[in-house]
């Protein structure tokens, strides 16, 4: 009798246990993912392709947040100009001086977006791709640019804890930045060495437990 009762209880609880393990992301309410990886594993890469030279750069300093509420996303990211590296110290100095990005006067590159409609609800491990626009502030100039974004939501698990605690949101983005539109002038001597447009890619991870 005891064995039979135990089996019946287990059968009754199995759907509840399975449901707890495969809980979906909340359809309503608010989720906030902060981006501030102290291990500096996030990446922002850029490429300037010119006739005589290709410049590749990298930053591992990304800070920001994404708020998902009622099927829409709002967020803001910043990258310090001083964190941009090209593998050449002299060139990095030129990049940050007052003729280029002017890190002293404009220390951060900022990207913002508001109320971007998601094509579906966040679902564990399922990518969502969005074609949208965002506001970039670079060198004291703010402009709207098209952006291609892919996000993947991960519920906290033993595997995801190896990356970071909490529920995670991976954000990958691609966009183009026309330098002169942001007041970044190429001298005649640099036109053949510095491309007129920066091709930028971002790969960053946010967590519900990261602090800003």
N, C-alpha and C. Protein backbone atom coordinates (compact mmCIF):
# COMPACT_ATOMS: atom_id res chain seq x y z
N UNK A 1 0.83 -1.20 0.00
CA UNK A 1 0.00 0.00 0.00
C UNK A 1 0.87 1.26 0.00
N UNK A 2 1.92 1.23 0.82
CA UNK A 2 2.82 2.38 0.88
C UNK A 2 3.51 2.62 -0.46
N UNK A 3 3.96 1.53 -1.10
CA UNK A 3 4.64 1.65 -2.39
C UNK A 3 3.70 2.22 -3.43
N UNK A 4 2.45 1.71 -3.43
CA UNK A 4 1.47 2.18 -4.41
C UNK A 4 1.19 3.66 -4.22
N UNK A 5 1.03 4.10 -2.97
CA UNK A 5 0.76 5.52 -2.68
C UNK A 5 1.92 6.40 -3.11
N UNK A 6 3.16 5.92 -2.90
CA UNK A 6 4.33 6.69 -3.28
C UNK A 6 4.41 6.86 -4.79
N UNK A 7 4.10 5.77 -5.51
CA UNK A 7 4.12 5.83 -6.98
C UNK A 7 3.08 6.82 -7.48
N UNK A 8 1.86 6.77 -6.89
CA UNK A 8 0.81 7.69 -7.32
C UNK A 8 1.19 9.14 -7.05
N UNK A 9 1.83 9.39 -5.89
CA UNK A 9 2.26 10.74 -5.56
C UNK A 9 3.31 11.23 -6.53
N UNK A 10 4.27 10.34 -6.91
CA UNK A 10 5.31 10.72 -7.86
C UNK A 10 4.73 11.05 -9.21
N UNK A 11 3.75 10.23 -9.66
CA UNK A 11 3.11 10.48 -10.95
C UNK A 11 2.39 11.83 -10.92
N UNK A 12 1.75 12.14 -9.78
CA UNK A 12 1.03 13.40 -9.66
C UNK A 12 1.97 14.60 -9.70
N UNK A 13 3.17 14.46 -9.09
CA UNK A 13 4.11 15.57 -8.99
C UNK A 13 4.97 15.77 -10.23
N UNK A 14 5.10 14.74 -11.06
CA UNK A 14 6.00 14.81 -12.21
C UNK A 14 5.72 16.01 -13.11
N UNK A 15 4.46 16.29 -13.50
CA UNK A 15 4.22 17.47 -14.35
C UNK A 15 4.66 18.77 -13.70
N UNK A 16 4.48 18.86 -12.35
CA UNK A 16 4.88 20.08 -11.66
C UNK A 16 6.38 20.23 -11.65
N UNK A 17 7.10 19.11 -11.44
CA UNK A 17 8.56 19.15 -11.45
C UNK A 17 9.08 19.54 -12.83
N UNK A 18 8.51 18.92 -13.86
CA UNK A 18 8.93 19.22 -15.24
C UNK A 18 8.65 20.67 -15.57
N UNK A 19 7.48 21.18 -15.13
CA UNK A 19 7.14 22.57 -15.41
C UNK A 19 8.08 23.54 -14.75
N UNK A 20 8.55 23.19 -13.54
CA UNK A 20 9.49 24.05 -12.83
C UNK A 20 10.83 24.09 -13.53
N UNK A 21 11.26 22.94 -14.10
CA UNK A 21 12.55 22.90 -14.77
C UNK A 21 12.52 23.63 -16.10
N UNK A 22 11.37 23.71 -16.73
CA UNK A 22 11.27 24.32 -18.07
C UNK A 22 10.43 25.58 -18.04
N UNK A 23 10.54 26.33 -16.96
CA UNK A 23 9.72 27.52 -16.83
C UNK A 23 10.02 28.51 -17.95
N UNK A 24 8.99 29.06 -18.58
CA UNK A 24 9.23 30.06 -19.64
C UNK A 24 9.56 31.40 -19.02
N UNK A 25 10.12 32.28 -19.85
CA UNK A 25 10.33 33.65 -19.39
C UNK A 25 8.98 34.29 -19.16
N UNK A 26 8.84 35.18 -18.18
CA UNK A 26 7.56 35.82 -17.91
C UNK A 26 7.03 36.53 -19.14
N UNK A 27 5.76 36.31 -19.46
CA UNK A 27 5.16 36.96 -20.64
C UNK A 27 4.86 38.43 -20.35
N UNK A 28 4.62 38.74 -19.11
CA UNK A 28 4.33 40.12 -18.72
C UNK A 28 5.28 40.51 -17.60
N UNK A 29 5.14 41.74 -17.13
CA UNK A 29 6.06 42.18 -16.09
C UNK A 29 7.32 42.74 -16.69
N UNK A 30 8.32 42.90 -15.84
CA UNK A 30 9.56 43.55 -16.27
C UNK A 30 10.75 42.68 -15.93
N UNK A 31 11.69 42.56 -16.87
CA UNK A 31 12.97 41.92 -16.64
C UNK A 31 14.07 42.91 -16.97
N UNK A 32 15.02 43.03 -16.08
CA UNK A 32 16.15 43.94 -16.29
C UNK A 32 17.44 43.14 -16.33
N UNK A 33 18.18 43.32 -17.41
CA UNK A 33 19.48 42.66 -17.58
C UNK A 33 20.55 43.74 -17.58
N UNK A 34 21.46 43.66 -16.63
CA UNK A 34 22.56 44.62 -16.57
C UNK A 34 23.81 44.03 -17.22
N UNK A 35 24.53 44.89 -17.91
CA UNK A 35 25.75 44.48 -18.62
C UNK A 35 26.93 45.16 -17.93
N UNK A 36 27.70 44.36 -17.23
CA UNK A 36 28.85 44.91 -16.49
C UNK A 36 29.74 43.74 -16.06
N UNK A 37 30.25 43.02 -17.05
CA UNK A 37 31.05 41.82 -16.78
C UNK A 37 32.42 42.23 -16.23
N UNK A 38 32.66 41.93 -14.95
CA UNK A 38 33.91 42.31 -14.32
C UNK A 38 35.10 41.54 -14.90
N UNK A 39 34.83 40.44 -15.60
CA UNK A 39 35.91 39.68 -16.25
C UNK A 39 36.27 40.23 -17.62
N UNK A 40 35.51 41.23 -18.08
CA UNK A 40 35.77 41.91 -19.36
C UNK A 40 35.82 40.92 -20.53
N UNK A 41 34.78 40.06 -20.61
CA UNK A 41 34.70 39.10 -21.71
C UNK A 41 33.82 39.60 -22.85
N UNK A 42 33.06 40.68 -22.64
CA UNK A 42 32.27 41.26 -23.72
C UNK A 42 33.20 41.88 -24.75
N UNK A 43 32.77 41.93 -25.99
CA UNK A 43 33.63 42.47 -27.04
C UNK A 43 32.89 43.44 -27.95
N UNK A 44 33.58 44.52 -28.26
CA UNK A 44 33.17 45.45 -29.32
C UNK A 44 34.32 45.51 -30.30
N UNK A 45 34.09 45.08 -31.52
CA UNK A 45 35.15 45.10 -32.53
C UNK A 45 34.76 46.06 -33.65
N UNK A 46 35.76 46.70 -34.24
CA UNK A 46 35.48 47.59 -35.37
C UNK A 46 36.57 47.44 -36.43
N UNK A 47 36.19 47.72 -37.65
CA UNK A 47 37.12 47.64 -38.78
C UNK A 47 36.96 48.87 -39.65
N UNK A 48 38.08 49.49 -40.00
CA UNK A 48 38.13 50.61 -40.94
C UNK A 48 38.91 50.13 -42.16
N UNK A 49 38.22 49.95 -43.27
CA UNK A 49 38.83 49.39 -44.47
C UNK A 49 39.12 50.51 -45.46
N UNK A 50 40.40 50.79 -45.68
CA UNK A 50 40.84 51.84 -46.61
C UNK A 50 41.69 51.21 -47.71
N UNK A 51 41.90 51.93 -48.82
CA UNK A 51 42.67 51.35 -49.93
C UNK A 51 44.07 50.87 -49.55
N UNK A 52 44.74 51.57 -48.64
CA UNK A 52 46.11 51.20 -48.32
C UNK A 52 46.27 50.50 -46.97
N UNK A 53 45.20 50.45 -46.18
CA UNK A 53 45.35 49.86 -44.85
C UNK A 53 44.00 49.47 -44.28
N UNK A 54 43.99 48.37 -43.53
CA UNK A 54 42.82 47.94 -42.79
C UNK A 54 43.14 48.06 -41.30
N UNK A 55 42.33 48.81 -40.58
CA UNK A 55 42.53 48.98 -39.14
C UNK A 55 41.46 48.19 -38.40
N UNK A 56 41.91 47.29 -37.52
CA UNK A 56 40.99 46.52 -36.68
C UNK A 56 41.17 46.96 -35.24
N UNK A 57 40.06 47.15 -34.54
CA UNK A 57 40.12 47.58 -33.16
C UNK A 57 39.21 46.76 -32.26
N UNK A 58 39.43 46.89 -30.95
CA UNK A 58 38.71 46.08 -29.98
C UNK A 58 38.55 46.82 -28.66
N UNK A 59 37.41 46.62 -28.02
CA UNK A 59 37.22 47.03 -26.63
C UNK A 59 36.54 45.88 -25.89
N UNK A 60 36.94 45.68 -24.64
CA UNK A 60 36.29 44.67 -23.80
C UNK A 60 35.57 45.32 -22.63
N UNK A 61 35.24 46.60 -22.77
CA UNK A 61 34.56 47.35 -21.71
C UNK A 61 33.19 47.80 -22.20
N UNK A 62 32.17 47.07 -21.79
CA UNK A 62 30.79 47.40 -22.15
C UNK A 62 29.98 47.50 -20.88
N UNK A 63 29.21 48.58 -20.76
CA UNK A 63 28.39 48.76 -19.57
C UNK A 63 27.01 49.26 -20.00
N UNK A 64 25.96 48.73 -19.39
CA UNK A 64 24.63 49.19 -19.75
C UNK A 64 23.55 48.30 -19.19
N UNK A 65 22.35 48.44 -19.74
CA UNK A 65 21.22 47.63 -19.29
C UNK A 65 20.19 47.52 -20.40
N UNK A 66 19.42 46.44 -20.34
CA UNK A 66 18.27 46.24 -21.22
C UNK A 66 17.08 45.88 -20.34
N UNK A 67 15.99 46.58 -20.54
CA UNK A 67 14.75 46.31 -19.81
C UNK A 67 13.73 45.76 -20.80
N UNK A 68 13.20 44.59 -20.51
CA UNK A 68 12.18 43.96 -21.36
C UNK A 68 10.85 44.01 -20.62
N UNK A 69 9.87 44.64 -21.25
CA UNK A 69 8.56 44.78 -20.61
C UNK A 69 7.47 44.73 -21.66
N UNK A 70 6.52 43.83 -21.47
CA UNK A 70 5.36 43.72 -22.36
C UNK A 70 5.76 43.62 -23.83
N UNK A 71 6.76 42.79 -24.10
CA UNK A 71 7.14 42.52 -25.49
C UNK A 71 7.98 43.59 -26.14
N UNK A 72 8.46 44.57 -25.35
CA UNK A 72 9.30 45.63 -25.90
C UNK A 72 10.58 45.75 -25.10
N UNK A 73 11.63 46.22 -25.75
CA UNK A 73 12.93 46.35 -25.10
C UNK A 73 13.42 47.79 -25.16
N UNK A 74 13.98 48.24 -24.06
CA UNK A 74 14.58 49.57 -23.96
C UNK A 74 15.95 49.41 -23.32
N UNK A 75 16.94 50.10 -23.85
CA UNK A 75 18.27 49.91 -23.28
C UNK A 75 19.24 51.02 -23.59
N UNK A 76 20.37 50.95 -22.92
CA UNK A 76 21.44 51.93 -23.11
C UNK A 76 22.77 51.25 -22.82
N UNK A 77 23.75 51.46 -23.71
CA UNK A 77 25.09 50.91 -23.54
C UNK A 77 26.12 52.03 -23.69
N UNK A 78 27.24 51.87 -23.01
CA UNK A 78 28.34 52.82 -23.19
C UNK A 78 29.66 52.07 -23.24
N UNK A 79 30.58 52.61 -24.05
CA UNK A 79 31.93 52.06 -24.20
C UNK A 79 32.91 53.21 -24.05
N UNK A 80 33.85 53.14 -23.11
CA UNK A 80 34.83 54.22 -22.96
C UNK A 80 35.75 54.32 -24.18
N UNK A 81 35.92 55.53 -24.67
CA UNK A 81 36.83 55.73 -25.81
C UNK A 81 38.24 55.26 -25.46
N UNK A 82 38.64 55.45 -24.21
CA UNK A 82 39.99 55.07 -23.78
C UNK A 82 40.22 53.56 -23.82
N UNK A 83 39.12 52.78 -23.92
CA UNK A 83 39.27 51.32 -23.94
C UNK A 83 39.49 50.77 -25.35
N UNK A 84 39.39 51.60 -26.38
CA UNK A 84 39.54 51.15 -27.76
C UNK A 84 41.02 50.94 -28.07
N UNK A 85 41.34 49.73 -28.51
CA UNK A 85 42.72 49.39 -28.83
C UNK A 85 42.81 48.83 -30.25
N UNK A 86 43.90 49.22 -30.95
CA UNK A 86 44.09 48.77 -32.33
C UNK A 86 45.35 47.93 -32.51
N UNK A 87 46.07 47.68 -31.42
CA UNK A 87 47.31 46.93 -31.54
C UNK A 87 48.52 47.79 -31.84
N UNK A 88 48.33 49.11 -31.85
CA UNK A 88 49.41 50.05 -32.13
C UNK A 88 49.23 51.25 -31.20
N UNK A 89 50.13 51.42 -30.24
CA UNK A 89 49.98 52.46 -29.23
C UNK A 89 49.95 53.87 -29.82
N UNK A 90 50.78 54.11 -30.81
CA UNK A 90 50.79 55.44 -31.43
C UNK A 90 49.45 55.72 -32.10
N UNK A 91 48.92 54.72 -32.80
CA UNK A 91 47.63 54.89 -33.47
C UNK A 91 46.51 55.05 -32.46
N UNK A 92 46.60 54.31 -31.33
CA UNK A 92 45.59 54.47 -30.28
C UNK A 92 45.59 55.89 -29.74
N UNK A 93 46.78 56.47 -29.61
CA UNK A 93 46.88 57.86 -29.16
C UNK A 93 46.21 58.81 -30.12
N UNK A 94 46.41 58.59 -31.42
CA UNK A 94 45.77 59.43 -32.43
C UNK A 94 44.25 59.27 -32.37
N UNK A 95 43.80 58.03 -32.16
CA UNK A 95 42.37 57.75 -32.11
C UNK A 95 41.69 58.53 -30.98
N UNK A 96 42.41 58.70 -29.86
CA UNK A 96 41.81 59.31 -28.68
C UNK A 96 42.08 60.81 -28.57
N UNK A 97 42.90 61.36 -29.46
CA UNK A 97 43.23 62.79 -29.31
C UNK A 97 42.10 63.68 -29.82
N UNK A 98 42.31 65.01 -29.70
CA UNK A 98 41.22 65.94 -30.01
C UNK A 98 40.93 66.07 -31.50
N UNK A 99 41.74 65.49 -32.35
CA UNK A 99 41.47 65.52 -33.79
C UNK A 99 40.55 64.37 -34.21
N UNK A 100 40.44 63.37 -33.34
CA UNK A 100 39.61 62.21 -33.67
C UNK A 100 38.46 62.09 -32.69
N UNK A 101 38.48 61.10 -31.82
CA UNK A 101 37.34 60.87 -30.92
C UNK A 101 37.35 61.79 -29.71
N UNK A 102 38.48 62.41 -29.41
CA UNK A 102 38.59 63.37 -28.31
C UNK A 102 38.08 62.78 -27.00
N UNK A 103 38.82 61.77 -26.51
CA UNK A 103 38.41 61.05 -25.30
C UNK A 103 38.31 61.97 -24.08
N UNK A 104 39.13 63.01 -24.03
CA UNK A 104 39.10 63.92 -22.88
C UNK A 104 37.78 64.68 -22.80
N UNK A 105 37.26 65.09 -23.95
CA UNK A 105 36.03 65.88 -23.98
C UNK A 105 34.79 65.00 -24.08
N UNK A 106 34.90 63.89 -24.82
CA UNK A 106 33.77 62.98 -25.03
C UNK A 106 34.22 61.57 -24.64
N UNK A 107 34.22 61.25 -23.34
CA UNK A 107 34.86 60.02 -22.87
C UNK A 107 34.15 58.72 -23.25
N UNK A 108 32.85 58.79 -23.60
CA UNK A 108 32.12 57.56 -23.88
C UNK A 108 31.43 57.58 -25.23
N UNK A 109 31.36 56.42 -25.85
CA UNK A 109 30.49 56.18 -27.00
C UNK A 109 29.21 55.56 -26.45
N UNK A 110 28.05 56.12 -26.80
CA UNK A 110 26.79 55.69 -26.19
C UNK A 110 25.82 55.25 -27.28
N UNK A 111 25.12 54.15 -26.98
CA UNK A 111 24.07 53.64 -27.87
C UNK A 111 22.80 53.46 -27.05
N UNK A 112 21.68 54.00 -27.55
CA UNK A 112 20.41 53.92 -26.84
C UNK A 112 19.29 53.49 -27.78
N UNK A 113 18.32 52.76 -27.23
CA UNK A 113 17.13 52.41 -27.99
C UNK A 113 15.94 52.36 -27.03
N UNK A 114 14.75 52.57 -27.55
CA UNK A 114 13.57 52.65 -26.69
C UNK A 114 12.37 51.98 -27.34
N UNK A 115 11.68 51.16 -26.55
CA UNK A 115 10.42 50.52 -26.96
C UNK A 115 10.55 49.80 -28.30
N UNK A 116 11.61 49.01 -28.43
CA UNK A 116 11.78 48.21 -29.64
C UNK A 116 10.92 46.95 -29.51
N UNK A 117 10.00 46.75 -30.43
CA UNK A 117 9.10 45.60 -30.38
C UNK A 117 9.86 44.32 -30.70
N UNK A 118 9.77 43.34 -29.82
CA UNK A 118 10.39 42.04 -30.05
C UNK A 118 9.45 41.18 -30.90
N UNK A 119 9.99 40.35 -31.80
CA UNK A 119 9.14 39.55 -32.68
C UNK A 119 8.41 38.43 -31.96
N UNK A 120 8.86 38.09 -30.74
CA UNK A 120 8.23 37.02 -29.96
C UNK A 120 8.66 37.19 -28.51
N UNK A 121 8.04 36.43 -27.62
CA UNK A 121 8.43 36.47 -26.22
C UNK A 121 9.79 35.80 -26.05
N UNK A 122 10.53 36.23 -25.04
CA UNK A 122 11.79 35.58 -24.73
C UNK A 122 11.54 34.12 -24.36
N UNK A 123 12.30 33.24 -24.98
CA UNK A 123 12.15 31.80 -24.73
C UNK A 123 13.54 31.20 -24.56
N UNK A 124 13.68 30.37 -23.57
CA UNK A 124 14.99 29.85 -23.19
C UNK A 124 15.75 29.26 -24.38
N UNK A 125 16.91 29.84 -24.68
CA UNK A 125 17.79 29.32 -25.71
C UNK A 125 17.38 29.60 -27.14
N UNK A 126 16.31 30.37 -27.34
CA UNK A 126 15.81 30.63 -28.70
C UNK A 126 16.22 32.03 -29.16
N UNK A 127 16.98 32.15 -30.25
CA UNK A 127 17.40 33.47 -30.72
C UNK A 127 16.23 34.30 -31.27
N UNK A 128 16.31 35.59 -31.05
CA UNK A 128 15.38 36.55 -31.65
C UNK A 128 16.19 37.56 -32.44
N UNK A 129 15.81 37.77 -33.68
CA UNK A 129 16.53 38.73 -34.53
C UNK A 129 15.64 39.94 -34.77
N UNK A 130 16.24 41.13 -34.63
CA UNK A 130 15.49 42.38 -34.77
C UNK A 130 16.28 43.33 -35.67
N UNK A 131 15.60 43.90 -36.64
CA UNK A 131 16.15 44.99 -37.44
C UNK A 131 15.53 46.28 -36.91
N UNK A 132 16.33 47.16 -36.36
CA UNK A 132 15.77 48.35 -35.73
C UNK A 132 16.70 49.54 -35.93
N UNK A 133 16.45 50.61 -35.22
CA UNK A 133 17.32 51.78 -35.24
C UNK A 133 17.64 52.18 -33.80
N UNK A 134 18.79 52.78 -33.63
CA UNK A 134 19.19 53.24 -32.31
C UNK A 134 19.89 54.58 -32.42
N UNK A 135 19.99 55.26 -31.28
CA UNK A 135 20.65 56.57 -31.22
C UNK A 135 22.07 56.40 -30.73
N UNK A 136 23.02 56.82 -31.55
CA UNK A 136 24.43 56.78 -31.20
C UNK A 136 24.90 58.19 -30.86
N UNK A 137 25.68 58.30 -29.80
CA UNK A 137 26.33 59.56 -29.47
C UNK A 137 27.83 59.33 -29.49
N UNK A 138 28.49 59.95 -30.46
CA UNK A 138 29.93 59.78 -30.67
C UNK A 138 30.53 61.15 -30.97
N UNK A 139 31.62 61.48 -30.28
CA UNK A 139 32.31 62.75 -30.55
C UNK A 139 31.36 63.94 -30.40
N UNK A 140 30.42 63.84 -29.44
CA UNK A 140 29.49 64.93 -29.18
C UNK A 140 28.34 65.05 -30.16
N UNK A 141 28.23 64.12 -31.11
CA UNK A 141 27.17 64.15 -32.12
C UNK A 141 26.24 62.96 -31.89
N UNK A 142 24.93 63.20 -31.94
CA UNK A 142 23.94 62.14 -31.77
C UNK A 142 23.18 61.94 -33.08
N UNK A 143 23.16 60.70 -33.53
CA UNK A 143 22.46 60.36 -34.77
C UNK A 143 21.76 59.01 -34.60
N UNK A 144 20.76 58.80 -35.44
CA UNK A 144 20.07 57.52 -35.48
C UNK A 144 20.64 56.67 -36.61
N UNK A 145 20.94 55.40 -36.32
CA UNK A 145 21.52 54.50 -37.31
C UNK A 145 20.78 53.15 -37.28
N UNK A 146 20.68 52.48 -38.42
CA UNK A 146 20.09 51.14 -38.43
C UNK A 146 21.00 50.13 -37.75
N UNK A 147 20.39 49.18 -37.05
CA UNK A 147 21.14 48.17 -36.30
C UNK A 147 20.48 46.81 -36.48
N UNK A 148 21.31 45.80 -36.67
CA UNK A 148 20.83 44.42 -36.70
C UNK A 148 21.20 43.76 -35.37
N UNK A 149 20.20 43.27 -34.64
CA UNK A 149 20.42 42.72 -33.30
C UNK A 149 19.89 41.30 -33.22
N UNK A 150 20.68 40.42 -32.61
CA UNK A 150 20.23 39.07 -32.28
C UNK A 150 20.39 38.87 -30.78
N UNK A 151 19.31 38.48 -30.12
CA UNK A 151 19.36 38.23 -28.69
C UNK A 151 19.01 36.77 -28.39
N UNK A 152 19.59 36.25 -27.33
CA UNK A 152 19.24 34.91 -26.84
C UNK A 152 19.09 34.99 -25.32
N UNK A 153 17.96 34.51 -24.83
CA UNK A 153 17.67 34.49 -23.40
C UNK A 153 18.01 33.11 -22.84
N UNK A 154 18.67 33.09 -21.66
CA UNK A 154 19.02 31.83 -21.01
C UNK A 154 18.54 31.86 -19.56
N UNK A 155 17.70 30.92 -19.20
CA UNK A 155 17.32 30.78 -17.80
C UNK A 155 18.53 30.26 -17.02
N UNK A 156 18.63 30.67 -15.77
CA UNK A 156 19.74 30.23 -14.95
C UNK A 156 19.75 28.71 -14.79
N UNK A 157 20.90 28.12 -14.99
CA UNK A 157 21.07 26.67 -14.85
C UNK A 157 22.50 26.41 -14.41
N UNK A 158 22.80 25.15 -14.14
CA UNK A 158 24.16 24.80 -13.75
C UNK A 158 25.15 25.20 -14.83
N UNK A 159 24.74 25.08 -16.10
CA UNK A 159 25.63 25.42 -17.21
C UNK A 159 25.82 26.92 -17.33
N UNK A 160 24.73 27.69 -17.22
CA UNK A 160 24.86 29.14 -17.41
C UNK A 160 25.61 29.79 -16.25
N UNK A 161 25.60 29.17 -15.07
CA UNK A 161 26.32 29.74 -13.93
C UNK A 161 27.83 29.77 -14.18
N UNK A 162 28.29 28.92 -15.11
CA UNK A 162 29.71 28.97 -15.47
C UNK A 162 30.05 30.27 -16.17
N UNK A 163 29.04 30.88 -16.79
CA UNK A 163 29.23 32.18 -17.44
C UNK A 163 28.99 33.32 -16.45
N UNK A 164 27.84 33.27 -15.79
CA UNK A 164 27.48 34.31 -14.82
C UNK A 164 26.25 33.85 -14.07
N UNK A 165 26.03 34.37 -12.86
CA UNK A 165 24.82 34.03 -12.11
C UNK A 165 23.60 34.73 -12.69
N UNK A 166 22.42 34.22 -12.37
CA UNK A 166 21.18 34.86 -12.80
C UNK A 166 20.74 34.42 -14.19
N UNK A 167 19.54 34.88 -14.59
CA UNK A 167 19.10 34.70 -15.97
C UNK A 167 19.95 35.61 -16.85
N UNK A 168 20.27 35.12 -18.05
CA UNK A 168 21.19 35.85 -18.92
C UNK A 168 20.53 36.28 -20.22
N UNK A 169 21.04 37.36 -20.79
CA UNK A 169 20.62 37.81 -22.12
C UNK A 169 21.88 38.11 -22.92
N UNK A 170 22.07 37.35 -23.99
CA UNK A 170 23.20 37.62 -24.88
C UNK A 170 22.73 38.53 -26.01
N UNK A 171 23.46 39.59 -26.24
CA UNK A 171 23.11 40.56 -27.29
C UNK A 171 24.26 40.64 -28.29
N UNK A 172 23.95 40.36 -29.53
CA UNK A 172 24.92 40.53 -30.61
C UNK A 172 24.35 41.54 -31.60
N UNK A 173 25.17 42.50 -31.99
CA UNK A 173 24.69 43.58 -32.86
C UNK A 173 25.73 43.91 -33.92
N UNK A 174 25.23 44.38 -35.06
CA UNK A 174 26.09 44.82 -36.16
C UNK A 174 25.56 46.15 -36.68
N UNK A 175 26.47 47.09 -36.95
CA UNK A 175 26.06 48.38 -37.48
C UNK A 175 27.26 49.07 -38.12
N UNK A 176 26.98 50.17 -38.81
CA UNK A 176 28.02 50.95 -39.50
C UNK A 176 28.00 52.38 -38.99
N UNK A 177 29.18 52.93 -38.77
CA UNK A 177 29.30 54.30 -38.29
C UNK A 177 30.06 55.13 -39.32
N UNK A 178 29.38 56.07 -40.01
CA UNK A 178 30.06 56.96 -40.96
C UNK A 178 30.82 58.04 -40.19
N UNK A 179 32.13 58.05 -40.28
CA UNK A 179 32.95 58.91 -39.41
C UNK A 179 32.63 60.39 -39.57
N UNK A 180 32.59 60.87 -40.79
CA UNK A 180 32.42 62.32 -41.00
C UNK A 180 31.07 62.82 -40.51
N UNK A 181 30.05 61.93 -40.49
CA UNK A 181 28.74 62.33 -39.99
C UNK A 181 28.79 62.66 -38.50
N UNK A 182 29.81 62.15 -37.82
CA UNK A 182 30.00 62.43 -36.39
C UNK A 182 31.12 63.44 -36.15
N UNK A 183 31.46 64.19 -37.18
CA UNK A 183 32.45 65.24 -37.04
C UNK A 183 33.88 64.75 -36.92
N UNK A 184 34.12 63.51 -37.35
CA UNK A 184 35.47 62.94 -37.30
C UNK A 184 36.07 63.09 -38.70
N UNK A 185 36.97 64.03 -38.84
CA UNK A 185 37.51 64.38 -40.14
C UNK A 185 38.81 63.62 -40.43
N UNK A 186 38.89 63.09 -41.63
CA UNK A 186 40.14 62.47 -42.08
C UNK A 186 40.92 63.51 -42.89
N UNK A 187 42.16 63.71 -42.51
CA UNK A 187 42.99 64.63 -43.29
C UNK A 187 43.29 64.00 -44.64
N UNK A 188 43.74 64.82 -45.58
CA UNK A 188 44.03 64.30 -46.93
C UNK A 188 45.07 63.19 -46.88
N UNK A 189 46.01 63.28 -45.94
CA UNK A 189 47.06 62.27 -45.84
C UNK A 189 46.53 60.94 -45.33
N UNK A 190 45.35 60.96 -44.68
CA UNK A 190 44.83 59.73 -44.08
C UNK A 190 43.69 59.09 -44.88
N UNK A 191 43.22 59.76 -45.92
CA UNK A 191 42.08 59.23 -46.67
C UNK A 191 42.36 57.85 -47.24
N UNK A 192 43.60 57.59 -47.68
CA UNK A 192 43.94 56.29 -48.24
C UNK A 192 44.28 55.26 -47.17
N UNK A 193 44.42 55.70 -45.90
CA UNK A 193 44.81 54.80 -44.83
C UNK A 193 43.71 54.52 -43.80
N UNK A 194 42.71 55.39 -43.77
CA UNK A 194 41.64 55.25 -42.78
C UNK A 194 40.30 55.21 -43.51
N UNK A 195 39.56 54.13 -43.36
CA UNK A 195 38.27 54.00 -44.03
C UNK A 195 37.28 55.04 -43.57
N UNK A 196 36.33 55.37 -44.43
CA UNK A 196 35.35 56.41 -44.09
C UNK A 196 34.22 55.90 -43.21
N UNK A 197 34.07 54.57 -43.11
CA UNK A 197 33.00 53.98 -42.32
C UNK A 197 33.55 52.88 -41.42
N UNK A 198 33.14 52.87 -40.16
CA UNK A 198 33.55 51.82 -39.23
C UNK A 198 32.49 50.73 -39.23
N UNK A 199 32.92 49.51 -39.49
CA UNK A 199 32.04 48.34 -39.40
C UNK A 199 32.18 47.79 -37.98
N UNK A 200 31.07 47.79 -37.23
CA UNK A 200 31.14 47.48 -35.81
C UNK A 200 30.32 46.24 -35.47
N UNK A 201 30.87 45.38 -34.61
CA UNK A 201 30.15 44.22 -34.10
C UNK A 201 30.25 44.20 -32.58
N UNK A 202 29.16 43.82 -31.94
CA UNK A 202 29.11 43.76 -30.47
C UNK A 202 28.64 42.38 -30.05
N UNK A 203 29.28 41.83 -29.02
CA UNK A 203 28.83 40.58 -28.41
C UNK A 203 28.92 40.77 -26.90
N UNK A 204 27.77 40.94 -26.24
CA UNK A 204 27.76 41.26 -24.81
C UNK A 204 26.71 40.42 -24.08
N UNK A 205 27.00 40.13 -22.81
CA UNK A 205 26.12 39.31 -21.98
C UNK A 205 25.64 40.12 -20.78
N UNK A 206 24.31 40.13 -20.60
CA UNK A 206 23.72 40.78 -19.44
C UNK A 206 23.16 39.74 -18.49
N UNK A 207 23.02 40.12 -17.23
CA UNK A 207 22.50 39.22 -16.21
C UNK A 207 21.51 39.95 -15.33
N UNK A 208 20.52 39.20 -14.83
CA UNK A 208 19.57 39.78 -13.89
C UNK A 208 20.22 40.02 -12.53
N UNK A 209 21.44 39.51 -12.34
CA UNK A 209 22.12 39.68 -11.06
C UNK A 209 23.36 40.58 -11.13
N UNK A 210 23.73 41.05 -12.32
CA UNK A 210 24.83 42.01 -12.39
C UNK A 210 24.41 43.34 -11.79
N UNK A 211 25.35 44.04 -11.19
CA UNK A 211 25.11 45.37 -10.65
C UNK A 211 25.82 46.42 -11.51
N UNK A 212 25.20 47.56 -11.68
CA UNK A 212 25.83 48.65 -12.43
C UNK A 212 26.55 49.59 -11.48
